[in-house]
C-alpha cells in the first residue's frame, strides 16, 4: 500500500529495471507527455476544433459558449458534424502544433529522455512528437561501450488499424499510434463511436467470429513485454481504461510484483485516492507509481521521466529476449 507520495518515485521496482536491461520495456505514452511539450490537452484540443468554425463564421460566439462545457468527446463529435456540413476540413495538425517556448524549455528534453528508455513506443496521442528521434539523444551502444551521439532519425510510424500488429512490434525504432496519427486523418479515433468501433468486443480465445487486430496486439503486448504508462493523469483515465480493460484480463490480486506500471501524479492530500487507484490497477497486474504535483504541477512529470531515464538503462542487444518471446507465444 502507498505510504506517501514523493516528488520522484525513487524506489523503482526490480521488474522495471530488469525489463529495461533486457530491452523488454515499452513506454506507453499519453496526452500528459505531449502537454509538457506545449500540445493541448483534450479539452483545449476539442475547443480549438470548435473555435475553427467560430473563426470561419459557421458557429456564433453565443453557440460556442453554450456547448464549451460539454465533454471533449461530445465537442469533437459536434466539430466533425460542422466539418461535414460546411465542407471545411479542420486543420488538426495546426491544433496540435506545440508552442515554441514549451518545446524549447521542456519538450525537447522530455522526449530526449524518453528516447533513452526504449526504441519502441506505443501511444494514444495523435501528434508526431515520438515520430522523430530528437537530436542529441545519447544511448548505450549495442556492445555496452560508452554512450554515443546518435544522428537524428525518424521512427517508423504505424497508425492505420491494419498496421497495429504483433509482427510489426519487432521492428526497431517504431512508434504505434493506436488511436491514429495527425498525418493520416482517416486513422484518428476522435468520437465515442470511433472508440467503440476500434475496441469492438473480441477475444482471441474463439468466443467471436472475427479478430480485432488492435486487441490481439494489446493482449500479446501485455503478455510478452513490460509496459510503463506515462502521461495518463486523472483526466485521461477514460482513455486508459479502454486499453487496460480490453488488453488485460482481470485477475485475483496476488503478492507477486506487477509486470506493468503506471506513473501518475497526485497532490499530497490525495493519498486515499492514490490508494484506491492502486487497488484498481492491481486487478490487471499493473502497479501504481505515484509522484507529487505539489510544487510544479504536471511539469513535475518531466523530472520523473529524467530520473527514470538515468535509472532504467538498457543492456546490450541479444537474441535471447526475442527467442523467449517466441516461446511464450507458442506455449
C-alpha atoms as a PDB file:
ATOM      1  CA  UNK A   1       0.000   0.000   0.000  1.00  0.00           C
ATOM      2  CA  UNK A   2       1.166   3.539  -0.773  1.00  0.00           C
ATOM      3  CA  UNK A   3       2.512   5.209   2.389  1.00  0.00           C
ATOM      4  CA  UNK A   4       3.430   8.621   0.988  1.00  0.00           C
ATOM      5  CA  UNK A   5       3.626  10.499  -2.271  1.00  0.00           C
ATOM      6  CA  UNK A   6       7.070  11.904  -3.070  1.00  0.00           C
ATOM      7  CA  UNK A   7       8.164  14.257  -5.826  1.00  0.00           C
ATOM      8  CA  UNK A   8      10.021  11.405  -7.559  1.00  0.00           C
ATOM      9  CA  UNK A   9       9.257   7.690  -7.012  1.00  0.00           C
ATOM     10  CA  UNK A  10      12.899   6.685  -6.493  1.00  0.00           C
ATOM     11  CA  UNK A  11      12.201   3.103  -5.440  1.00  0.00           C
ATOM     12  CA  UNK A  12      11.920   1.720  -8.975  1.00  0.00           C
ATOM     13  CA  UNK A  13      10.591  -1.877  -8.987  1.00  0.00           C
ATOM     14  CA  UNK A  14      13.020  -4.631  -9.943  1.00  0.00           C
ATOM     15  CA  UNK A  15      10.599  -5.746 -12.647  1.00  0.00           C
ATOM     16  CA  UNK A  16      11.068  -2.462 -14.495  1.00  0.00           C
ATOM     17  CA  UNK A  17      14.844  -2.444 -14.066  1.00  0.00           C
ATOM     18  CA  UNK A  18      15.104  -5.982 -15.419  1.00  0.00           C
ATOM     19  CA  UNK A  19      12.756  -5.228 -18.320  1.00  0.00           C
ATOM     20  CA  UNK A  20      14.768  -2.150 -19.303  1.00  0.00           C
ATOM     21  CA  UNK A  21      18.063  -4.056 -19.182  1.00  0.00           C
ATOM     22  CA  UNK A  22      16.597  -6.862 -21.295  1.00  0.00           C
ATOM     23  CA  UNK A  23      15.123  -4.307 -23.735  1.00  0.00           C
ATOM     24  CA  UNK A  24      11.637  -5.546 -22.979  1.00  0.00           C
ATOM     25  CA  UNK A  25      10.314  -2.230 -21.681  1.00  0.00           C
ATOM     26  CA  UNK A  26       7.678  -0.468 -23.797  1.00  0.00           C
ATOM     27  CA  UNK A  27       6.753   3.099 -22.770  1.00  0.00           C
ATOM     28  CA  UNK A  28       3.029   3.700 -23.377  1.00  0.00           C
ATOM     29  CA  UNK A  29       2.653   7.449 -23.844  1.00  0.00           C
ATOM     30  CA  UNK A  30      -0.433   9.551 -23.052  1.00  0.00           C
ATOM     31  CA  UNK A  31      -1.550  13.129 -23.562  1.00  0.00           C
ATOM     32  CA  UNK A  32       0.147  14.367 -20.391  1.00  0.00           C
ATOM     33  CA  UNK A  33       3.564  13.940 -22.017  1.00  0.00           C
ATOM     34  CA  UNK A  34       2.547  15.901 -25.121  1.00  0.00           C
ATOM     35  CA  UNK A  35       1.244  18.692 -22.901  1.00  0.00           C
ATOM     36  CA  UNK A  36       4.707  19.031 -21.377  1.00  0.00           C
ATOM     37  CA  UNK A  37       5.899  19.936 -24.871  1.00  0.00           C
ATOM     38  CA  UNK A  38       3.161  22.504 -25.423  1.00  0.00           C
ATOM     39  CA  UNK A  39       0.484  20.410 -27.137  1.00  0.00           C
ATOM     40  CA  UNK A  40      -3.118  20.989 -25.992  1.00  0.00           C
ATOM     41  CA  UNK A  41      -4.924  18.749 -23.554  1.00  0.00           C
ATOM     42  CA  UNK A  42      -8.177  17.051 -24.533  1.00  0.00           C
ATOM     43  CA  UNK A  43     -10.452  19.974 -23.633  1.00  0.00           C
ATOM     44  CA  UNK A  44      -8.304  22.613 -25.305  1.00  0.00           C
ATOM     45  CA  UNK A  45      -7.987  20.401 -28.391  1.00  0.00           C
ATOM     46  CA  UNK A  46     -11.781  19.998 -28.642  1.00  0.00           C
ATOM     47  CA  UNK A  47     -12.351  23.719 -28.031  1.00  0.00           C
ATOM     48  CA  UNK A  48      -9.828  24.522 -30.746  1.00  0.00           C
ATOM     49  CA  UNK A  49     -11.756  22.386 -33.229  1.00  0.00           C
ATOM     50  CA  UNK A  50     -14.957  24.317 -32.434  1.00  0.00           C
ATOM     51  CA  UNK A  51     -13.219  27.708 -32.467  1.00  0.00           C
ATOM     52  CA  UNK A  52     -12.108  26.939 -36.009  1.00  0.00           C
ATOM     53  CA  UNK A  53     -15.764  27.265 -37.047  1.00  0.00           C
ATOM     54  CA  UNK A  54     -16.253  30.378 -34.924  1.00  0.00           C
ATOM     55  CA  UNK A  55     -13.361  31.967 -36.816  1.00  0.00           C
ATOM     56  CA  UNK A  56     -14.912  30.941 -40.124  1.00  0.00           C
ATOM     57  CA  UNK A  57     -18.330  32.367 -39.240  1.00  0.00           C
ATOM     58  CA  UNK A  58     -20.062  28.971 -39.092  1.00  0.00           C
ATOM     59  CA  UNK A  59     -20.598  28.958 -35.322  1.00  0.00           C
ATOM     60  CA  UNK A  60     -21.558  32.019 -33.304  1.00  0.00           C
ATOM     61  CA  UNK A  61     -19.809  33.017 -30.093  1.00  0.00           C
ATOM     62  CA  UNK A  62     -23.095  32.504 -28.248  1.00  0.00           C
ATOM     63  CA  UNK A  63     -23.443  28.948 -29.623  1.00  0.00           C
ATOM     64  CA  UNK A  64     -19.842  28.148 -28.754  1.00  0.00           C
ATOM     65  CA  UNK A  65     -20.272  29.453 -25.211  1.00  0.00           C
ATOM     66  CA  UNK A  66     -23.277  27.162 -24.691  1.00  0.00           C
ATOM     67  CA  UNK A  67     -21.521  23.969 -25.776  1.00  0.00           C
ATOM     68  CA  UNK A  68     -17.994  24.551 -24.444  1.00  0.00           C
ATOM     69  CA  UNK A  69     -18.922  22.933 -21.105  1.00  0.00           C
ATOM     70  CA  UNK A  70     -19.751  19.605 -22.770  1.00  0.00           C
ATOM     71  CA  UNK A  71     -17.298  16.694 -22.633  1.00  0.00           C
ATOM     72  CA  UNK A  72     -14.337  16.750 -25.005  1.00  0.00           C
ATOM     73  CA  UNK A  73     -15.582  13.708 -26.916  1.00  0.00           C
ATOM     74  CA  UNK A  74     -19.021  15.300 -27.497  1.00  0.00           C
ATOM     75  CA  UNK A  75     -17.451  18.582 -28.616  1.00  0.00           C
ATOM     76  CA  UNK A  76     -15.231  16.768 -31.110  1.00  0.00           C
ATOM     77  CA  UNK A  77     -18.280  14.955 -32.489  1.00  0.00           C
ATOM     78  CA  UNK A  78     -20.057  18.300 -32.946  1.00  0.00           C
ATOM     79  CA  UNK A  79     -16.988  19.769 -34.643  1.00  0.00           C
ATOM     80  CA  UNK A  80     -16.870  16.857 -37.090  1.00  0.00           C
ATOM     81  CA  UNK A  81     -20.569  17.368 -37.876  1.00  0.00           C
ATOM     82  CA  UNK A  82     -19.865  21.037 -38.643  1.00  0.00           C
ATOM     83  CA  UNK A  83     -16.925  19.980 -40.793  1.00  0.00           C
ATOM     84  CA  UNK A  84     -19.155  17.690 -42.890  1.00  0.00           C
ATOM     85  CA  UNK A  85     -21.989  20.234 -43.026  1.00  0.00           C
ATOM     86  CA  UNK A  86     -19.861  23.124 -44.291  1.00  0.00           C
ATOM     87  CA  UNK A  87     -17.161  21.247 -46.188  1.00  0.00           C
ATOM     88  CA  UNK A  88     -14.440  22.929 -44.119  1.00  0.00           C
ATOM     89  CA  UNK A  89     -11.717  20.457 -43.052  1.00  0.00           C
ATOM     90  CA  UNK A  90     -10.356  21.068 -39.561  1.00  0.00           C
ATOM     91  CA  UNK A  91      -6.589  21.561 -39.503  1.00  0.00           C
ATOM     92  CA  UNK A  92      -5.811  19.139 -36.670  1.00  0.00           C
ATOM     93  CA  UNK A  93      -2.080  19.356 -37.357  1.00  0.00           C
ATOM     94  CA  UNK A  94      -2.199  23.079 -36.616  1.00  0.00           C
ATOM     95  CA  UNK A  95      -4.197  22.475 -33.427  1.00  0.00           C
ATOM     96  CA  UNK A  96      -1.554  20.003 -32.225  1.00  0.00           C
ATOM     97  CA  UNK A  97       1.478  22.142 -33.044  1.00  0.00           C
ATOM     98  CA  UNK A  98       3.385  22.735 -29.782  1.00  0.00           C
ATOM     99  CA  UNK A  99       4.367  26.199 -28.647  1.00  0.00           C
ATOM    100  CA  UNK A 100       7.978  27.164 -29.393  1.00  0.00           C
ATOM    101  CA  UNK A 101       8.601  28.198 -25.786  1.00  0.00           C
ATOM    102  CA  UNK A 102       7.377  24.912 -24.320  1.00  0.00           C
ATOM    103  CA  UNK A 103       9.287  22.913 -26.919  1.00  0.00           C
ATOM    104  CA  UNK A 104      12.471  24.773 -26.097  1.00  0.00           C
ATOM    105  CA  UNK A 105      12.193  24.843 -22.315  1.00  0.00           C
ATOM    106  CA  UNK A 106      10.869  21.370 -21.583  1.00  0.00           C
ATOM    107  CA  UNK A 107       9.539  19.429 -24.593  1.00  0.00           C
ATOM    108  CA  UNK A 108      12.800  18.543 -26.339  1.00  0.00           C
ATOM    109  CA  UNK A 109      14.474  17.349 -23.134  1.00  0.00           C
ATOM    110  CA  UNK A 110      11.432  15.225 -22.178  1.00  0.00           C
ATOM    111  CA  UNK A 111      11.451  13.383 -25.493  1.00  0.00           C
ATOM    112  CA  UNK A 112      15.228  13.002 -25.405  1.00  0.00           C
ATOM    113  CA  UNK A 113      14.875  11.287 -22.037  1.00  0.00           C
ATOM    114  CA  UNK A 114      12.076   9.061 -23.310  1.00  0.00           C
ATOM    115  CA  UNK A 115      14.349   8.002 -26.163  1.00  0.00           C
ATOM    116  CA  UNK A 116      16.887   6.798 -23.622  1.00  0.00           C
ATOM    117  CA  UNK A 117      14.319   4.423 -22.125  1.00  0.00           C
ATOM    118  CA  UNK A 118      13.469   2.452 -25.264  1.00  0.00           C
ATOM    119  CA  UNK A 119      13.416   2.442 -29.065  1.00  0.00           C
ATOM    120  CA  UNK A 120       9.809   1.249 -29.477  1.00  0.00           C
ATOM    121  CA  UNK A 121       6.813   3.216 -28.205  1.00  0.00           C
ATOM    122  CA  UNK A 122       3.056   2.840 -28.072  1.00  0.00           C
ATOM    123  CA  UNK A 123       0.902   5.957 -27.769  1.00  0.00           C
ATOM    124  CA  UNK A 124      -2.705   7.100 -27.763  1.00  0.00           C
ATOM    125  CA  UNK A 125      -1.574  10.560 -28.934  1.00  0.00           C
ATOM    126  CA  UNK A 126      -2.215  11.909 -32.427  1.00  0.00           C
ATOM    127  CA  UNK A 127       0.781  14.263 -32.506  1.00  0.00           C
ATOM    128  CA  UNK A 128       4.152  13.437 -34.080  1.00  0.00           C
ATOM    129  CA  UNK A 129       6.481  14.128 -31.140  1.00  0.00           C
ATOM    130  CA  UNK A 130       7.508  10.469 -30.951  1.00  0.00           C
ATOM    131  CA  UNK A 131       7.878  10.054 -34.715  1.00  0.00           C
ATOM    132  CA  UNK A 132      11.245  11.797 -34.632  1.00  0.00           C
ATOM    133  CA  UNK A 133      14.186  10.745 -32.509  1.00  0.00           C
ATOM    134  CA  UNK A 134      15.325  14.075 -31.007  1.00  0.00           C
ATOM    135  CA  UNK A 135      18.810  15.344 -31.890  1.00  0.00           C
ATOM    136  CA  UNK A 136      21.394  14.818 -29.189  1.00  0.00           C
ATOM    137  CA  UNK A 137      19.948  11.587 -27.844  1.00  0.00           C
ATOM    138  CA  UNK A 138      22.639   9.546 -26.117  1.00  0.00           C
ATOM    139  CA  UNK A 139      22.050   5.830 -25.534  1.00  0.00           C
ATOM    140  CA  UNK A 140      24.240   2.829 -24.716  1.00  0.00           C
ATOM    141  CA  UNK A 141      25.715   1.214 -27.825  1.00  0.00           C
ATOM    142  CA  UNK A 142      24.893  -2.324 -28.863  1.00  0.00           C
ATOM    143  CA  UNK A 143      28.092  -3.609 -27.258  1.00  0.00           C
ATOM    144  CA  UNK A 144      27.650  -1.738 -23.956  1.00  0.00           C
ATOM    145  CA  UNK A 145      30.511   0.635 -24.769  1.00  0.00           C
ATOM    146  CA  UNK A 146      30.375   4.239 -23.515  1.00  0.00           C
ATOM    147  CA  UNK A 147      27.354   6.235 -24.672  1.00  0.00           C
ATOM    148  CA  UNK A 148      27.498   7.628 -28.217  1.00  0.00           C
ATOM    149  CA  UNK A 149      25.972  10.582 -30.049  1.00  0.00           C
ATOM    150  CA  UNK A 150      23.265   9.415 -32.442  1.00  0.00           C
ATOM    151  CA  UNK A 151      22.191  11.161 -35.663  1.00  0.00           C
ATOM    152  CA  UNK A 152      18.634  12.455 -35.897  1.00  0.00           C
ATOM    153  CA  UNK A 153      16.407   9.824 -37.458  1.00  0.00           C
ATOM    154  CA  UNK A 154      12.717   9.194 -37.967  1.00  0.00           C
ATOM    155  CA  UNK A 155      10.934   6.367 -36.244  1.00  0.00           C
ATOM    156  CA  UNK A 156       8.732   4.067 -38.275  1.00  0.00           C
ATOM    157  CA  UNK A 157       5.166   5.277 -37.773  1.00  0.00           C
ATOM    158  CA  UNK A 158       2.312   2.762 -37.532  1.00  0.00           C
ATOM    159  CA  UNK A 159      -1.117   4.372 -37.264  1.00  0.00           C
ATOM    160  CA  UNK A 160      -3.554   2.561 -39.528  1.00  0.00           C
ATOM    161  CA  UNK A 161      -5.751  -0.030 -37.867  1.00  0.00           C
ATOM    162  CA  UNK A 162      -4.313  -2.759 -40.093  1.00  0.00           C
ATOM    163  CA  UNK A 163      -0.719  -1.801 -39.187  1.00  0.00           C
ATOM    164  CA  UNK A 164      -1.067  -2.237 -35.424  1.00  0.00           C
ATOM    165  CA  UNK A 165       0.077  -5.852 -35.426  1.00  0.00           C
ATOM    166  CA  UNK A 166       2.281  -8.089 -33.345  1.00  0.00           C
ATOM    167  CA  UNK A 167       4.540  -8.721 -36.340  1.00  0.00           C
ATOM    168  CA  UNK A 168       5.397  -5.032 -36.578  1.00  0.00           C
ATOM    169  CA  UNK A 169       6.253  -4.884 -32.877  1.00  0.00           C
ATOM    170  CA  UNK A 170       9.676  -6.394 -33.648  1.00  0.00           C
ATOM    171  CA  UNK A 171      10.602  -3.530 -35.987  1.00  0.00           C
ATOM    172  CA  UNK A 172      13.203  -1.317 -34.245  1.00  0.00           C
ATOM    173  CA  UNK A 173      12.752   2.438 -33.862  1.00  0.00           C
ATOM    174  CA  UNK A 174       8.973   2.320 -34.227  1.00  0.00           C
ATOM    175  CA  UNK A 175       6.001   4.140 -32.730  1.00  0.00           C
ATOM    176  CA  UNK A 176       2.492   2.703 -32.682  1.00  0.00           C
ATOM    177  CA  UNK A 177      -0.271   5.331 -32.724  1.00  0.00           C
ATOM    178  CA  UNK A 178      -3.114   3.051 -31.656  1.00  0.00           C
ATOM    179  CA  UNK A 179      -5.689   5.882 -31.876  1.00  0.00           C
ATOM    180  CA  UNK A 180      -4.306   7.219 -35.137  1.00  0.00           C
ATOM    181  CA  UNK A 181      -1.956   9.970 -36.248  1.00  0.00           C
ATOM    182  CA  UNK A 182      -2.440  13.554 -37.358  1.00  0.00           C
ATOM    183  CA  UNK A 183      -0.533  12.574 -40.504  1.00  0.00           C
ATOM    184  CA  UNK A 184      -3.328  10.202 -41.508  1.00  0.00           C
ATOM    185  CA  UNK A 185      -6.662  11.860 -40.798  1.00  0.00           C
ATOM    186  CA  UNK A 186      -8.683   8.705 -41.515  1.00  0.00           C
ATOM    187  CA  UNK A 187      -6.758   6.808 -38.836  1.00  0.00           C
ATOM    188  CA  UNK A 188      -7.748   9.180 -35.996  1.00  0.00           C
ATOM    189  CA  UNK A 189     -10.229   7.923 -33.388  1.00  0.00           C
ATOM    190  CA  UNK A 190     -11.964  11.119 -32.283  1.00  0.00           C
ATOM    191  CA  UNK A 191     -15.548  10.345 -31.295  1.00  0.00           C
ATOM    192  CA  UNK A 192     -17.197   7.862 -28.957  1.00  0.00           C
ATOM    193  CA  UNK A 193     -18.355   5.881 -31.981  1.00  0.00           C
ATOM    194  CA  UNK A 194     -14.743   5.713 -33.227  1.00  0.00           C
ATOM    195  CA  UNK A 195     -13.617   4.293 -29.872  1.00  0.00           C
ATOM    196  CA  UNK A 196     -16.421   1.748 -29.732  1.00  0.00           C
ATOM    197  CA  UNK A 197     -15.531   0.543 -33.222  1.00  0.00           C
ATOM    198  CA  UNK A 198     -11.802   0.442 -32.515  1.00  0.00           C
ATOM    199  CA  UNK A 199     -12.286  -1.575 -29.328  1.00  0.00           C
ATOM    200  CA  UNK A 200     -15.188  -3.680 -30.598  1.00  0.00           C
ATOM    201  CA  UNK A 201     -15.644  -6.735 -28.387  1.00  0.00           C
ATOM    202  CA  UNK A 202     -13.264  -9.519 -29.258  1.00  0.00           C
ATOM    203  CA  UNK A 203     -11.042 -12.050 -27.569  1.00  0.00           C
ATOM    204  CA  UNK A 204      -8.588 -14.297 -29.348  1.00  0.00           C
ATOM    205  CA  UNK A 205      -9.909 -17.308 -27.452  1.00  0.00           C
ATOM    206  CA  UNK A 206     -12.510 -18.157 -30.065  1.00  0.00           C
ATOM    207  CA  UNK A 207     -15.532 -16.522 -28.425  1.00  0.00           C
ATOM    208  CA  UNK A 208     -16.287 -14.373 -31.501  1.00  0.00           C
ATOM    209  CA  UNK A 209     -16.215 -14.996 -35.204  1.00  0.00           C
ATOM    210  CA  UNK A 210     -13.801 -12.256 -36.175  1.00  0.00           C
ATOM    211  CA  UNK A 211     -10.488 -10.933 -34.982  1.00  0.00           C
ATOM    212  CA  UNK A 212      -9.783  -7.343 -33.989  1.00  0.00           C
ATOM    213  CA  UNK A 213      -6.051  -6.828 -34.792  1.00  0.00           C
ATOM    214  CA  UNK A 214      -5.726  -3.992 -32.276  1.00  0.00           C
ATOM    215  CA  UNK A 215      -6.962  -6.116 -29.385  1.00  0.00           C
ATOM    216  CA  UNK A 216      -4.746  -9.012 -30.429  1.00  0.00           C
ATOM    217  CA  UNK A 217      -1.835  -6.553 -30.462  1.00  0.00           C
ATOM    218  CA  UNK A 218      -2.662  -5.236 -26.990  1.00  0.00           C
ATOM    219  CA  UNK A 219      -3.210  -8.655 -25.461  1.00  0.00           C
ATOM    220  CA  UNK A 220       0.091 -10.003 -26.755  1.00  0.00           C
ATOM    221  CA  UNK A 221       1.925  -6.766 -25.925  1.00  0.00           C
ATOM    222  CA  UNK A 222       0.948  -7.158 -22.264  1.00  0.00           C
ATOM    223  CA  UNK A 223       1.881 -10.845 -22.324  1.00  0.00           C
ATOM    224  CA  UNK A 224       5.396 -10.585 -23.765  1.00  0.00           C
ATOM    225  CA  UNK A 225       6.546  -7.063 -22.833  1.00  0.00           C
ATOM    226  CA  UNK A 226       6.669  -4.887 -19.730  1.00  0.00           C
ATOM    227  CA  UNK A 227       4.663  -1.712 -20.192  1.00  0.00           C
ATOM    228  CA  UNK A 228       5.227   1.605 -18.433  1.00  0.00           C
ATOM    229  CA  UNK A 229       2.286   4.002 -18.826  1.00  0.00           C
ATOM    230  CA  UNK A 230       3.440   7.627 -18.813  1.00  0.00           C
ATOM    231  CA  UNK A 231       1.312  10.753 -19.152  1.00  0.00           C
ATOM    232  CA  UNK A 232      -2.087   9.441 -18.102  1.00  0.00           C
ATOM    233  CA  UNK A 233      -3.452  11.802 -15.492  1.00  0.00           C
ATOM    234  CA  UNK A 234      -6.842  11.508 -13.832  1.00  0.00           C
ATOM    235  CA  UNK A 235      -8.487  13.268 -16.795  1.00  0.00           C
ATOM    236  CA  UNK A 236      -7.135  10.587 -19.162  1.00  0.00           C
ATOM    237  CA  UNK A 237      -8.406   7.634 -17.130  1.00  0.00           C
ATOM    238  CA  UNK A 238     -11.238   7.017 -19.607  1.00  0.00           C
ATOM    239  CA  UNK A 239      -8.754   6.529 -22.450  1.00  0.00           C
ATOM    240  CA  UNK A 240      -6.512   4.343 -20.295  1.00  0.00           C
ATOM    241  CA  UNK A 241      -9.459   2.168 -19.298  1.00  0.00           C
ATOM    242  CA  UNK A 242     -10.196   1.327 -22.929  1.00  0.00           C
ATOM    243  CA  UNK A 243      -6.658  -0.003 -23.287  1.00  0.00           C
ATOM    244  CA  UNK A 244      -6.451  -1.856 -19.978  1.00  0.00           C
ATOM    245  CA  UNK A 245      -9.882  -3.454 -19.884  1.00  0.00           C
ATOM    246  CA  UNK A 246      -9.647  -4.722 -23.464  1.00  0.00           C
ATOM    247  CA  UNK A 247      -5.979  -5.680 -23.314  1.00  0.00           C
ATOM    248  CA  UNK A 248      -5.635  -7.378 -19.925  1.00  0.00           C
ATOM    249  CA  UNK A 249      -7.969  -9.859 -18.285  1.00  0.00           C
ATOM    250  CA  UNK A 250      -8.919  -9.203 -14.678  1.00  0.00           C
ATOM    251  CA  UNK A 251      -7.217 -11.478 -12.183  1.00  0.00           C
ATOM    252  CA  UNK A 252      -7.056 -12.107  -8.474  1.00  0.00           C
ATOM    253  CA  UNK A 253      -4.742  -9.701  -6.660  1.00  0.00           C
ATOM    254  CA  UNK A 254      -1.584 -11.508  -5.508  1.00  0.00           C
ATOM    255  CA  UNK A 255       1.599 -10.627  -3.661  1.00  0.00           C
ATOM    256  CA  UNK A 256       3.525 -11.125  -6.896  1.00  0.00           C
ATOM    257  CA  UNK A 257       5.266  -7.995  -8.186  1.00  0.00           C
ATOM    258  CA  UNK A 258       3.257  -6.419 -11.036  1.00  0.00           C
ATOM    259  CA  UNK A 259       4.514  -6.835 -14.586  1.00  0.00           C
ATOM    260  CA  UNK A 260       3.415  -3.370 -15.745  1.00  0.00           C
ATOM    261  CA  UNK A 261       3.327   0.063 -14.098  1.00  0.00           C
ATOM    262  CA  UNK A 262       1.650   3.424 -14.480  1.00  0.00           C
ATOM    263  CA  UNK A 263       3.194   6.748 -13.460  1.00  0.00           C
ATOM    264  CA  UNK A 264       0.544   9.082 -12.110  1.00  0.00           C
ATOM    265  CA  UNK A 265       0.680  12.469 -10.428  1.00  0.00           C
ATOM    266  CA  UNK A 266      -1.240  13.392  -7.272  1.00  0.00           C
ATOM    267  CA  UNK A 267      -1.302  16.184  -4.748  1.00  0.00           C
ATOM    268  CA  UNK A 268      -0.058  15.011  -1.360  1.00  0.00           C
ATOM    269  CA  UNK A 269      -3.518  15.246   0.215  1.00  0.00           C
ATOM    270  CA  UNK A 270      -4.875  12.786  -2.404  1.00  0.00           C
ATOM    271  CA  UNK A 271      -3.215   9.761  -0.838  1.00  0.00           C
ATOM    272  CA  UNK A 272      -6.531   7.945  -0.324  1.00  0.00           C
ATOM    273  CA  UNK A 273      -7.344   8.476  -3.996  1.00  0.00           C
ATOM    274  CA  UNK A 274      -3.913   7.094  -4.911  1.00  0.00           C
ATOM    275  CA  UNK A 275      -4.514   4.011  -2.758  1.00  0.00           C
ATOM    276  CA  UNK A 276      -7.901   3.412  -4.387  1.00  0.00           C
ATOM    277  CA  UNK A 277      -6.406   3.633  -7.868  1.00  0.00           C
ATOM    278  CA  UNK A 278      -3.575   1.362  -6.788  1.00  0.00           C
ATOM    279  CA  UNK A 279      -6.129  -1.318  -5.850  1.00  0.00           C
ATOM    280  CA  UNK A 280      -7.953  -0.808  -9.140  1.00  0.00           C
ATOM    281  CA  UNK A 281      -4.825  -1.189 -11.298  1.00  0.00           C
ATOM    282  CA  UNK A 282      -3.605  -4.240  -9.347  1.00  0.00           C
ATOM    283  CA  UNK A 283      -6.643  -6.172 -10.617  1.00  0.00           C
ATOM    284  CA  UNK A 284      -4.955  -6.041 -14.036  1.00  0.00           C
ATOM    285  CA  UNK A 285      -1.426  -6.756 -12.848  1.00  0.00           C
ATOM    286  CA  UNK A 286      -0.442  -3.080 -13.031  1.00  0.00           C
ATOM    287  CA  UNK A 287       1.420  -1.300 -10.243  1.00  0.00           C
ATOM    288  CA  UNK A 288       0.951   2.391  -9.466  1.00  0.00           C
ATOM    289  CA  UNK A 289       3.981   4.674  -9.121  1.00  0.00           C
ATOM    290  CA  UNK A 290       2.692   7.984  -7.697  1.00  0.00           C
ATOM    291  CA  UNK A 291       4.562  11.271  -7.755  1.00  0.00           C
ATOM    292  CA  UNK A 292       3.756  14.576  -6.061  1.00  0.00           C
ATOM    293  CA  UNK A 293       2.485  17.531  -8.085  1.00  0.00           C
ATOM    294  CA  UNK A 294       2.553  19.892  -5.085  1.00  0.00           C
ATOM    295  CA  UNK A 295       5.441  22.091  -6.214  1.00  0.00           C
ATOM    296  CA  UNK A 296       5.453  22.018 -10.036  1.00  0.00           C
ATOM    297  CA  UNK A 297       2.055  20.710 -11.035  1.00  0.00           C
ATOM    298  CA  UNK A 298       2.035  18.472 -14.098  1.00  0.00           C
ATOM    299  CA  UNK A 299       5.507  19.727 -15.103  1.00  0.00           C
ATOM    300  CA  UNK A 300       6.871  17.521 -12.296  1.00  0.00           C
ATOM    301  CA  UNK A 301       6.455  14.603 -14.701  1.00  0.00           C
ATOM    302  CA  UNK A 302       9.446  15.939 -16.663  1.00  0.00           C
ATOM    303  CA  UNK A 303      11.713  15.440 -13.639  1.00  0.00           C
ATOM    304  CA  UNK A 304      10.290  11.955 -13.071  1.00  0.00           C
ATOM    305  CA  UNK A 305      10.973  10.972 -16.690  1.00  0.00           C
ATOM    306  CA  UNK A 306      14.510  12.360 -16.413  1.00  0.00           C
ATOM    307  CA  UNK A 307      15.151  10.266 -13.282  1.00  0.00           C
ATOM    308  CA  UNK A 308      13.777   7.107 -14.879  1.00  0.00           C
ATOM    309  CA  UNK A 309      15.909   7.697 -17.982  1.00  0.00           C
ATOM    310  CA  UNK A 310      19.031   7.709 -15.807  1.00  0.00           C
ATOM    311  CA  UNK A 311      17.978   4.668 -13.768  1.00  0.00           C
ATOM    312  CA  UNK A 312      16.411   2.353 -16.355  1.00  0.00           C
ATOM    313  CA  UNK A 313      19.391   1.601 -18.549  1.00  0.00           C
ATOM    314  CA  UNK A 314      19.028  -0.814 -21.490  1.00  0.00           C
ATOM    315  CA  UNK A 315      21.545  -3.633 -21.704  1.00  0.00           C
ATOM    316  CA  UNK A 316      23.274  -4.995 -24.822  1.00  0.00           C
ATOM    317  CA  UNK A 317      21.078  -6.234 -27.649  1.00  0.00           C
ATOM    318  CA  UNK A 318      20.846 -10.017 -27.507  1.00  0.00           C
ATOM    319  CA  UNK A 319      18.940 -12.642 -29.431  1.00  0.00           C
ATOM    320  CA  UNK A 320      17.656 -14.239 -26.198  1.00  0.00           C
ATOM    321  CA  UNK A 321      14.692 -11.889 -25.489  1.00  0.00           C
ATOM    322  CA  UNK A 322      13.303 -12.486 -28.970  1.00  0.00           C
ATOM    323  CA  UNK A 323      13.595 -16.216 -28.536  1.00  0.00           C
ATOM    324  CA  UNK A 324      11.881 -16.094 -25.143  1.00  0.00           C
ATOM    325  CA  UNK A 325       9.025 -14.070 -26.632  1.00  0.00           C
ATOM    326  CA  UNK A 326       8.534 -16.636 -29.374  1.00  0.00           C
ATOM    327  CA  UNK A 327       8.473 -19.446 -26.799  1.00  0.00           C
ATOM    328  CA  UNK A 328       5.761 -17.605 -24.858  1.00  0.00           C
ATOM    329  CA  UNK A 329       3.677 -17.155 -27.999  1.00  0.00           C
ATOM    330  CA  UNK A 330       3.972 -20.836 -28.908  1.00  0.00           C
ATOM    331  CA  UNK A 331       3.266 -22.127 -25.398  1.00  0.00           C
END
